[in-house]
Structure formats: structure tokens, C-alpha cells
Amino acid sequence: MGWLDKLKVKLGVLDADDAENLEEEAPRAERRTAHANRGERPSLDGIEPASQQSLEDVLAAREAGDRDEMRRLLRELDRGRGLRVVLRAAAALEAGDEAELAELLPKLRGEELAWRLPLQLASVLEDAPRAEALRARAAAANAPRWALAWSRALANDPEEQRRGLVELLFVDPALARTVAARDLALEGAVADPEGAERHAAFAHGRQCVRRFGAGLVADVLDRARGRA
């Protein structure tokens, strides 16, 4: 029984007795990538956003406790949009710098991908009600079904996670294979090249907000929406 059938059994979408009678056949994508991936799990499939190293410097400064250097780097990197300006605003909020925060909040209100960051946050927040509110916000912003399903698949609540995994299996099998390999570390699962690029971009942002402080980033998004 292949890994995908095992996952379906685990999620309750395939009967175990029927699964045992299925012919074990690796997906075509697994056959294409099994040799390259054997024995190793490259970070984010080797696909990294161009700014990752710079953001790594920001996060390293934060983790070293050097908040001044972190904020200096964020000012230097800020191009007025994207994750860098969000983190810069979060750093200003943390420091109580209302003047810089007031300058940055309008840029957050104009974010083009209103669903991406809320879903990345929802997948790492421990506060379940707050995570669900972020998913609802992303859905209202027309988030694609694969992104909503992936965020639910990484939820802390087991039932929420199960529903997300089931939906992801049906709406985006290629991404489901990649999530099973990269996020769930399911034995026998191999990342699918068709889902790897989206996984890389989404997972990179998720890792950044987790390391920076998901709660703080969520706070600054609330401020951008006019909430206390």
C-alpha cells in the first residue's frame, strides 16, 4: 500500500481492507524525483526567494537579541511592500515606535496578496480562535482552495488538520504529496515538482513569521485593520 493510500486510511477517506487490495504504485512524480531526493531533504526543495538571505540576517539579529540591528536591517531592506515591510512594522510596534508604525500601516493596508500572510500566520499560531479568524479573512479575500486547505492541514487541532488534509488531497494532489513529504515527514512520501515552487514560497514566509513571532505579526495586521 503506497503512502498516499496510507494517508487516506489515516484520514478515514479510504477503508483499510479495500486499501490492502490496491496495487502499490508510486506516483509518477515520485519516480521522477526519488533518486534525487533519496536520503536527503533539501530545505524548501532548493527553491529560495531572492531576499531569503537578507531576511535570515534580520532573524539572526533578532534571535541574538540585537533589536537595533534588526530594525536597521529592516529599514535598509524595506521596498514598501511584502513581508519585509510587515516585519518592519511589527518591530516598530514591539518597540513602541508609534511614529514609524503610523508611516508603515498604510502600506500594509495596500498589500496585494491579502490572503497569503493571514494563512501563513494561521498555520503557526497556537491561538486556535485567532487562527480561524485569519483563515476567514483569507477566504473573504478569495484565497485559493489549496492555500486554505494547506493552512488547515497544519492546524494544531487534530480534527481541523484532518479536514484540511482531506481537502488538499482532492484539490491539489501534487501539493499534497509535497506537504506529506516536507511538513508531515510521512514515510515514503516524495515531494512533487509541480507543487514544490508554491510550497517553497509559502513555507518560507511561514518560517519567517514563526521565528519573528507570529503573535506580534498578527498584532500589527490587526492594527493595520484599525483594531486595537
C-alpha atoms as a PDB file:
ATOM      1  CA  MET A   1       0.000   0.000   0.000  1.00  0.00           C
ATOM      2  CA  GLY A   2       1.508   3.317  -1.091  1.00  0.00           C
ATOM      3  CA  TRP A   3       1.974   6.341   1.172  1.00  0.00           C
ATOM      4  CA  LEU A   4      -0.998   8.157  -0.345  1.00  0.00           C
ATOM      5  CA  ASP A   5      -3.332   5.258   0.401  1.00  0.00           C
ATOM      6  CA  LYS A   6      -1.906   5.037   3.923  1.00  0.00           C
ATOM      7  CA  LEU A   7      -2.667   8.722   4.402  1.00  0.00           C
ATOM      8  CA  LYS A   8      -6.209   8.241   3.120  1.00  0.00           C
ATOM      9  CA  VAL A   9      -6.708   5.371   5.573  1.00  0.00           C
ATOM     10  CA  LYS A  10      -5.366   7.538   8.386  1.00  0.00           C
ATOM     11  CA  LEU A  11      -7.756  10.324   7.449  1.00  0.00           C
ATOM     12  CA  GLY A  12     -10.710   7.978   7.170  1.00  0.00           C
ATOM     13  CA  VAL A  13     -11.340   8.540   3.449  1.00  0.00           C
ATOM     14  CA  LEU A  14     -10.336   5.005   2.450  1.00  0.00           C
ATOM     15  CA  ASP A  15     -11.290   1.737   4.096  1.00  0.00           C
ATOM     16  CA  ALA A  16      -8.257  -0.194   5.333  1.00  0.00           C
ATOM     17  CA  ASP A  17      -9.455  -3.541   3.919  1.00  0.00           C
ATOM     18  CA  ASP A  18     -10.002  -2.018   0.483  1.00  0.00           C
ATOM     19  CA  ALA A  19      -6.644  -0.289   0.646  1.00  0.00           C
ATOM     20  CA  GLU A  20      -4.841  -3.580   1.219  1.00  0.00           C
ATOM     21  CA  ASN A  21      -6.202  -4.816  -2.121  1.00  0.00           C
ATOM     22  CA  LEU A  22      -4.914  -1.841  -4.079  1.00  0.00           C
ATOM     23  CA  GLU A  23      -1.856  -2.316  -6.258  1.00  0.00           C
ATOM     24  CA  GLU A  24       1.103  -0.478  -4.806  1.00  0.00           C
ATOM     25  CA  GLU A  25       2.229   2.027  -7.397  1.00  0.00           C
ATOM     26  CA  ALA A  26       4.391   5.090  -6.731  1.00  0.00           C
ATOM     27  CA  PRO A  27       3.094   8.303  -8.320  1.00  0.00           C
ATOM     28  CA  ARG A  28       4.887   9.350 -11.477  1.00  0.00           C
ATOM     29  CA  ALA A  29       6.322  12.378  -9.725  1.00  0.00           C
ATOM     30  CA  GLU A  30       7.835  10.147  -7.050  1.00  0.00           C
ATOM     31  CA  ARG A  31       9.550   8.026  -9.667  1.00  0.00           C
ATOM     32  CA  ARG A  32      10.959  11.162 -11.289  1.00  0.00           C
ATOM     33  CA  THR A  33      12.387  12.554  -8.050  1.00  0.00           C
ATOM     34  CA  ALA A  34      13.095   9.513  -5.865  1.00  0.00           C
ATOM     35  CA  HIS A  35      16.718   9.201  -6.913  1.00  0.00           C
ATOM     36  CA  ALA A  36      17.476  12.905  -6.467  1.00  0.00           C
ATOM     37  CA  ASN A  37      15.836  13.054  -3.056  1.00  0.00           C
ATOM     38  CA  ARG A  38      16.956   9.704  -1.677  1.00  0.00           C
ATOM     39  CA  GLY A  39      18.463  10.099   1.759  1.00  0.00           C
ATOM     40  CA  GLU A  40      18.143  13.873   1.944  1.00  0.00           C
ATOM     41  CA  ARG A  41      15.532  16.586   2.419  1.00  0.00           C
ATOM     42  CA  PRO A  42      16.781  19.820   0.817  1.00  0.00           C
ATOM     43  CA  SER A  43      15.435  22.891   2.537  1.00  0.00           C
ATOM     44  CA  LEU A  44      12.399  24.141   0.605  1.00  0.00           C
ATOM     45  CA  ASP A  45      13.330  21.946  -2.372  1.00  0.00           C
ATOM     46  CA  GLY A  46      16.297  24.191  -3.095  1.00  0.00           C
ATOM     47  CA  ILE A  47      13.972  26.979  -4.267  1.00  0.00           C
ATOM     48  CA  GLU A  48      14.509  30.133  -2.240  1.00  0.00           C
ATOM     49  CA  PRO A  49      13.107  33.641  -2.647  1.00  0.00           C
ATOM     50  CA  ALA A  50      15.791  36.111  -3.659  1.00  0.00           C
ATOM     51  CA  SER A  51      15.567  38.002  -0.372  1.00  0.00           C
ATOM     52  CA  GLN A  52      15.872  34.982   1.907  1.00  0.00           C
ATOM     53  CA  GLN A  53      19.477  35.562   2.911  1.00  0.00           C
ATOM     54  CA  SER A  54      18.750  39.160   3.891  1.00  0.00           C
ATOM     55  CA  LEU A  55      15.727  38.136   5.912  1.00  0.00           C
ATOM     56  CA  GLU A  56      17.896  35.473   7.514  1.00  0.00           C
ATOM     57  CA  ASP A  57      20.215  38.263   8.687  1.00  0.00           C
ATOM     58  CA  VAL A  58      17.221  40.077  10.193  1.00  0.00           C
ATOM     59  CA  LEU A  59      16.041  36.969  12.015  1.00  0.00           C
ATOM     60  CA  ALA A  60      19.542  36.129  13.204  1.00  0.00           C
ATOM     61  CA  ALA A  61      19.905  39.612  14.709  1.00  0.00           C
ATOM     62  CA  ARG A  62      16.540  39.228  16.428  1.00  0.00           C
ATOM     63  CA  GLU A  63      17.402  35.819  17.838  1.00  0.00           C
ATOM     64  CA  ALA A  64      20.719  37.218  19.085  1.00  0.00           C
ATOM     65  CA  GLY A  65      18.777  39.902  20.973  1.00  0.00           C
ATOM     66  CA  ASP A  66      20.101  42.779  18.849  1.00  0.00           C
ATOM     67  CA  ARG A  67      16.849  44.637  18.198  1.00  0.00           C
ATOM     68  CA  ASP A  68      18.613  47.802  16.992  1.00  0.00           C
ATOM     69  CA  GLU A  69      20.495  45.888  14.286  1.00  0.00           C
ATOM     70  CA  MET A  70      17.313  44.035  13.347  1.00  0.00           C
ATOM     71  CA  ARG A  71      15.425  47.300  12.831  1.00  0.00           C
ATOM     72  CA  ARG A  72      18.334  48.841  10.911  1.00  0.00           C
ATOM     73  CA  LEU A  73      18.368  45.892   8.517  1.00  0.00           C
ATOM     74  CA  LEU A  74      14.603  46.033   8.065  1.00  0.00           C
ATOM     75  CA  ARG A  75      14.757  49.743   7.172  1.00  0.00           C
ATOM     76  CA  GLU A  76      17.532  49.008   4.692  1.00  0.00           C
ATOM     77  CA  LEU A  77      15.629  46.136   3.081  1.00  0.00           C
ATOM     78  CA  ASP A  78      12.168  47.713   3.030  1.00  0.00           C
ATOM     79  CA  ARG A  79      10.937  48.391  -0.506  1.00  0.00           C
ATOM     80  CA  GLY A  80       7.448  49.411   0.594  1.00  0.00           C
ATOM     81  CA  ARG A  81       5.679  46.085   0.155  1.00  0.00           C
ATOM     82  CA  GLY A  82       5.802  42.404   1.038  1.00  0.00           C
ATOM     83  CA  LEU A  83       6.949  40.549   4.133  1.00  0.00           C
ATOM     84  CA  ARG A  84       9.837  42.901   4.879  1.00  0.00           C
ATOM     85  CA  VAL A  85       7.590  45.910   5.440  1.00  0.00           C
ATOM     86  CA  VAL A  86       5.274  43.753   7.573  1.00  0.00           C
ATOM     87  CA  LEU A  87       8.176  42.697   9.797  1.00  0.00           C
ATOM     88  CA  ARG A  88       9.442  46.270   9.959  1.00  0.00           C
ATOM     89  CA  ALA A  89       6.017  47.398  11.166  1.00  0.00           C
ATOM     90  CA  ALA A  90       5.899  44.559  13.702  1.00  0.00           C
ATOM     91  CA  ALA A  91       9.317  45.596  15.009  1.00  0.00           C
ATOM     92  CA  ALA A  92       8.139  49.194  15.351  1.00  0.00           C
ATOM     93  CA  LEU A  93       5.044  48.038  17.248  1.00  0.00           C
ATOM     94  CA  GLU A  94       7.182  45.949  19.574  1.00  0.00           C
ATOM     95  CA  ALA A  95       9.485  48.914  20.238  1.00  0.00           C
ATOM     96  CA  GLY A  96       6.569  51.272  20.858  1.00  0.00           C
ATOM     97  CA  ASP A  97       7.678  53.450  17.929  1.00  0.00           C
ATOM     98  CA  GLU A  98       4.289  54.889  17.009  1.00  0.00           C
ATOM     99  CA  ALA A  99       5.748  57.410  14.555  1.00  0.00           C
ATOM    100  CA  GLU A 100       7.365  54.736  12.367  1.00  0.00           C
ATOM    101  CA  LEU A 101       4.356  52.471  12.770  1.00  0.00           C
ATOM    102  CA  ALA A 102       1.991  55.217  11.569  1.00  0.00           C
ATOM    103  CA  GLU A 103       4.166  55.615   8.470  1.00  0.00           C
ATOM    104  CA  LEU A 104       4.075  51.893   7.692  1.00  0.00           C
ATOM    105  CA  LEU A 105       0.479  50.876   8.440  1.00  0.00           C
ATOM    106  CA  PRO A 106      -0.996  52.335   5.218  1.00  0.00           C
ATOM    107  CA  LYS A 107       1.412  50.166   3.238  1.00  0.00           C
ATOM    108  CA  LEU A 108       0.083  47.081   4.995  1.00  0.00           C
ATOM    109  CA  ARG A 109      -3.490  48.040   4.144  1.00  0.00           C
ATOM    110  CA  GLY A 110      -2.497  48.048   0.496  1.00  0.00           C
ATOM    111  CA  GLU A 111      -0.993  44.552   0.462  1.00  0.00           C
ATOM    112  CA  GLU A 112      -1.870  42.879  -2.841  1.00  0.00           C
ATOM    113  CA  LEU A 113      -1.918  39.303  -1.532  1.00  0.00           C
ATOM    114  CA  ALA A 114      -4.313  39.820   1.355  1.00  0.00           C
ATOM    115  CA  TRP A 115      -4.741  36.082   1.862  1.00  0.00           C
ATOM    116  CA  ARG A 116      -1.163  34.803   1.917  1.00  0.00           C
ATOM    117  CA  LEU A 117       0.147  36.278   5.173  1.00  0.00           C
ATOM    118  CA  PRO A 118      -3.061  35.553   7.146  1.00  0.00           C
ATOM    119  CA  LEU A 119      -2.835  31.892   6.124  1.00  0.00           C
ATOM    120  CA  GLN A 120       0.863  31.675   6.933  1.00  0.00           C
ATOM    121  CA  LEU A 121       0.096  33.101  10.358  1.00  0.00           C
ATOM    122  CA  ALA A 122      -2.880  30.797  10.870  1.00  0.00           C
ATOM    123  CA  SER A 123      -0.676  27.768  10.244  1.00  0.00           C
ATOM    124  CA  VAL A 124       1.740  28.678  13.073  1.00  0.00           C
ATOM    125  CA  LEU A 125      -0.426  30.454  15.672  1.00  0.00           C
ATOM    126  CA  GLU A 126      -1.234  28.442  18.788  1.00  0.00           C
ATOM    127  CA  ASP A 127      -4.332  30.574  19.429  1.00  0.00           C
ATOM    128  CA  ALA A 128      -6.949  28.498  17.567  1.00  0.00           C
ATOM    129  CA  PRO A 129      -9.768  31.110  17.504  1.00  0.00           C
ATOM    130  CA  ARG A 130      -7.375  33.749  16.210  1.00  0.00           C
ATOM    131  CA  ALA A 131      -6.049  31.361  13.577  1.00  0.00           C
ATOM    132  CA  GLU A 132      -9.587  30.592  12.417  1.00  0.00           C
ATOM    133  CA  ALA A 133     -10.369  34.315  12.171  1.00  0.00           C
ATOM    134  CA  LEU A 134      -7.320  34.740   9.951  1.00  0.00           C
ATOM    135  CA  ARG A 135      -8.476  31.879   7.714  1.00  0.00           C
ATOM    136  CA  ALA A 136     -11.889  33.510   7.437  1.00  0.00           C
ATOM    137  CA  ARG A 137     -10.194  36.777   6.451  1.00  0.00           C
ATOM    138  CA  ALA A 138      -8.171  34.971   3.789  1.00  0.00           C
ATOM    139  CA  ALA A 139     -11.270  33.218   2.439  1.00  0.00           C
ATOM    140  CA  ALA A 140     -13.015  36.582   2.168  1.00  0.00           C
ATOM    141  CA  ALA A 141     -10.012  37.816   0.164  1.00  0.00           C
ATOM    142  CA  ASN A 142     -10.532  34.943  -2.325  1.00  0.00           C
ATOM    143  CA  ALA A 143      -7.666  32.766  -1.145  1.00  0.00           C
ATOM    144  CA  PRO A 144      -7.231  29.710  -3.403  1.00  0.00           C
ATOM    145  CA  ARG A 145      -8.583  26.434  -2.076  1.00  0.00           C
ATOM    146  CA  TRP A 146      -5.140  24.806  -1.997  1.00  0.00           C
ATOM    147  CA  ALA A 147      -3.821  27.534   0.321  1.00  0.00           C
ATOM    148  CA  LEU A 148      -6.816  27.338   2.669  1.00  0.00           C
ATOM    149  CA  ALA A 149      -6.579  23.551   2.789  1.00  0.00           C
ATOM    150  CA  TRP A 150      -2.840  23.621   3.452  1.00  0.00           C
ATOM    151  CA  SER A 151      -3.249  26.085   6.308  1.00  0.00           C
ATOM    152  CA  ARG A 152      -5.894  23.860   7.895  1.00  0.00           C
ATOM    153  CA  ALA A 153      -3.700  20.786   7.375  1.00  0.00           C
ATOM    154  CA  LEU A 154      -1.088  22.405   9.618  1.00  0.00           C
ATOM    155  CA  ALA A 155      -3.537  23.400  12.359  1.00  0.00           C
ATOM    156  CA  ASN A 156      -2.921  22.327  15.950  1.00  0.00           C
ATOM    157  CA  ASP A 157      -6.402  20.860  16.297  1.00  0.00           C
ATOM    158  CA  PRO A 158      -6.400  17.220  15.046  1.00  0.00           C
ATOM    159  CA  GLU A 159      -9.894  17.409  13.553  1.00  0.00           C
ATOM    160  CA  GLU A 160      -9.132  20.668  11.765  1.00  0.00           C
ATOM    161  CA  GLN A 161      -5.911  19.130  10.476  1.00  0.00           C
ATOM    162  CA  ARG A 162      -7.739  16.057   9.210  1.00  0.00           C
ATOM    163  CA  ARG A 163     -10.276  18.153   7.290  1.00  0.00           C
ATOM    164  CA  GLY A 164      -7.513  20.221   5.749  1.00  0.00           C
ATOM    165  CA  LEU A 165      -5.561  17.160   4.635  1.00  0.00           C
ATOM    166  CA  VAL A 166      -8.617  15.539   3.101  1.00  0.00           C
ATOM    167  CA  GLU A 167      -9.439  18.655   1.102  1.00  0.00           C
ATOM    168  CA  LEU A 168      -5.820  19.111  -0.006  1.00  0.00           C
ATOM    169  CA  LEU A 169      -5.710  15.549  -1.313  1.00  0.00           C
ATOM    170  CA  PHE A 170      -8.625  16.324  -3.594  1.00  0.00           C
ATOM    171  CA  VAL A 171      -7.947  19.909  -4.683  1.00  0.00           C
ATOM    172  CA  ASP A 172      -4.176  19.642  -5.254  1.00  0.00           C
ATOM    173  CA  PRO A 173      -2.610  16.156  -5.217  1.00  0.00           C
ATOM    174  CA  ALA A 174       0.823  17.488  -6.261  1.00  0.00           C
ATOM    175  CA  LEU A 175       0.940  19.880  -3.322  1.00  0.00           C
ATOM    176  CA  ALA A 176      -0.484  17.185  -1.038  1.00  0.00           C
ATOM    177  CA  ARG A 177       2.480  14.960  -1.921  1.00  0.00           C
ATOM    178  CA  THR A 178       4.891  17.799  -1.166  1.00  0.00           C
ATOM    179  CA  VAL A 179       3.212  18.662   2.138  1.00  0.00           C
ATOM    180  CA  ALA A 180       3.258  14.994   3.127  1.00  0.00           C
ATOM    181  CA  ALA A 181       6.994  14.841   2.444  1.00  0.00           C
ATOM    182  CA  ARG A 182       8.133  18.226   3.721  1.00  0.00           C
ATOM    183  CA  ASP A 183       5.710  19.174   6.502  1.00  0.00           C
ATOM    184  CA  LEU A 184       4.415  15.833   7.746  1.00  0.00           C
ATOM    185  CA  ALA A 185       7.552  13.778   7.032  1.00  0.00           C
ATOM    186  CA  LEU A 186       5.336  10.850   6.068  1.00  0.00           C
ATOM    187  CA  GLU A 187       7.418   7.762   5.338  1.00  0.00           C
ATOM    188  CA  GLY A 188       7.601   7.045   1.625  1.00  0.00           C
ATOM    189  CA  ALA A 189       6.247  10.438   0.557  1.00  0.00           C
ATOM    190  CA  VAL A 190       8.283  12.321  -2.065  1.00  0.00           C
ATOM    191  CA  ALA A 191       7.884  15.989  -2.961  1.00  0.00           C
ATOM    192  CA  ASP A 192       6.260  16.616  -6.339  1.00  0.00           C
ATOM    193  CA  PRO A 193       7.964  19.223  -8.586  1.00  0.00           C
ATOM    194  CA  GLU A 194       4.536  20.549  -9.605  1.00  0.00           C
ATOM    195  CA  GLY A 195       3.842  21.587  -6.017  1.00  0.00           C
ATOM    196  CA  ALA A 196       7.381  22.393  -4.897  1.00  0.00           C
ATOM    197  CA  GLU A 197       7.577  26.018  -6.030  1.00  0.00           C
ATOM    198  CA  ARG A 198       4.365  27.048  -4.284  1.00  0.00           C
ATOM    199  CA  HIS A 199       5.446  25.127  -1.222  1.00  0.00           C
ATOM    200  CA  ALA A 200       8.792  26.912  -1.164  1.00  0.00           C
ATOM    201  CA  ALA A 201       7.330  30.415  -1.311  1.00  0.00           C
ATOM    202  CA  PHE A 202       4.555  29.742   1.197  1.00  0.00           C
ATOM    203  CA  ALA A 203       6.735  27.785   3.625  1.00  0.00           C
ATOM    204  CA  HIS A 204       9.481  30.421   3.537  1.00  0.00           C
ATOM    205  CA  GLY A 205       7.112  33.150   4.709  1.00  0.00           C
ATOM    206  CA  ARG A 206       5.598  30.840   7.316  1.00  0.00           C
ATOM    207  CA  GLN A 207       9.033  30.069   8.771  1.00  0.00           C
ATOM    208  CA  CYS A 208       9.924  33.769   8.896  1.00  0.00           C
ATOM    209  CA  VAL A 209       6.814  34.823  10.812  1.00  0.00           C
ATOM    210  CA  ARG A 210       7.199  31.870  13.190  1.00  0.00           C
ATOM    211  CA  ARG A 211      10.776  32.840  14.021  1.00  0.00           C
ATOM    212  CA  PHE A 212       9.973  36.540  14.280  1.00  0.00           C
ATOM    213  CA  GLY A 213       6.909  35.971  16.442  1.00  0.00           C
ATOM    214  CA  ALA A 214       3.575  35.047  14.874  1.00  0.00           C
ATOM    215  CA  GLY A 215       1.555  36.728  17.610  1.00  0.00           C
ATOM    216  CA  LEU A 216       3.370  40.038  17.115  1.00  0.00           C
ATOM    217  CA  VAL A 217       2.888  39.907  13.332  1.00  0.00           C
ATOM    218  CA  ALA A 218      -0.808  39.166  13.859  1.00  0.00           C
ATOM    219  CA  ASP A 219      -0.993  42.170  16.208  1.00  0.00           C
ATOM    220  CA  VAL A 220       0.388  44.500  13.557  1.00  0.00           C
ATOM    221  CA  LEU A 221      -2.100  43.176  10.995  1.00  0.00           C
ATOM    222  CA  ASP A 222      -4.882  43.944  13.454  1.00  0.00           C
ATOM    223  CA  ARG A 223      -3.535  47.483  13.808  1.00  0.00           C
ATOM    224  CA  ALA A 224      -3.488  47.828  10.028  1.00  0.00           C
ATOM    225  CA  ARG A 225      -7.181  46.939  10.005  1.00  0.00           C
ATOM    226  CA  GLY A 226      -7.907  49.562  12.608  1.00  0.00           C
ATOM    227  CA  ARG A 227      -8.210  47.240  15.582  1.00  0.00           C
ATOM    228  CA  ALA A 228      -6.737  47.962  18.999  1.00  0.00           C
END
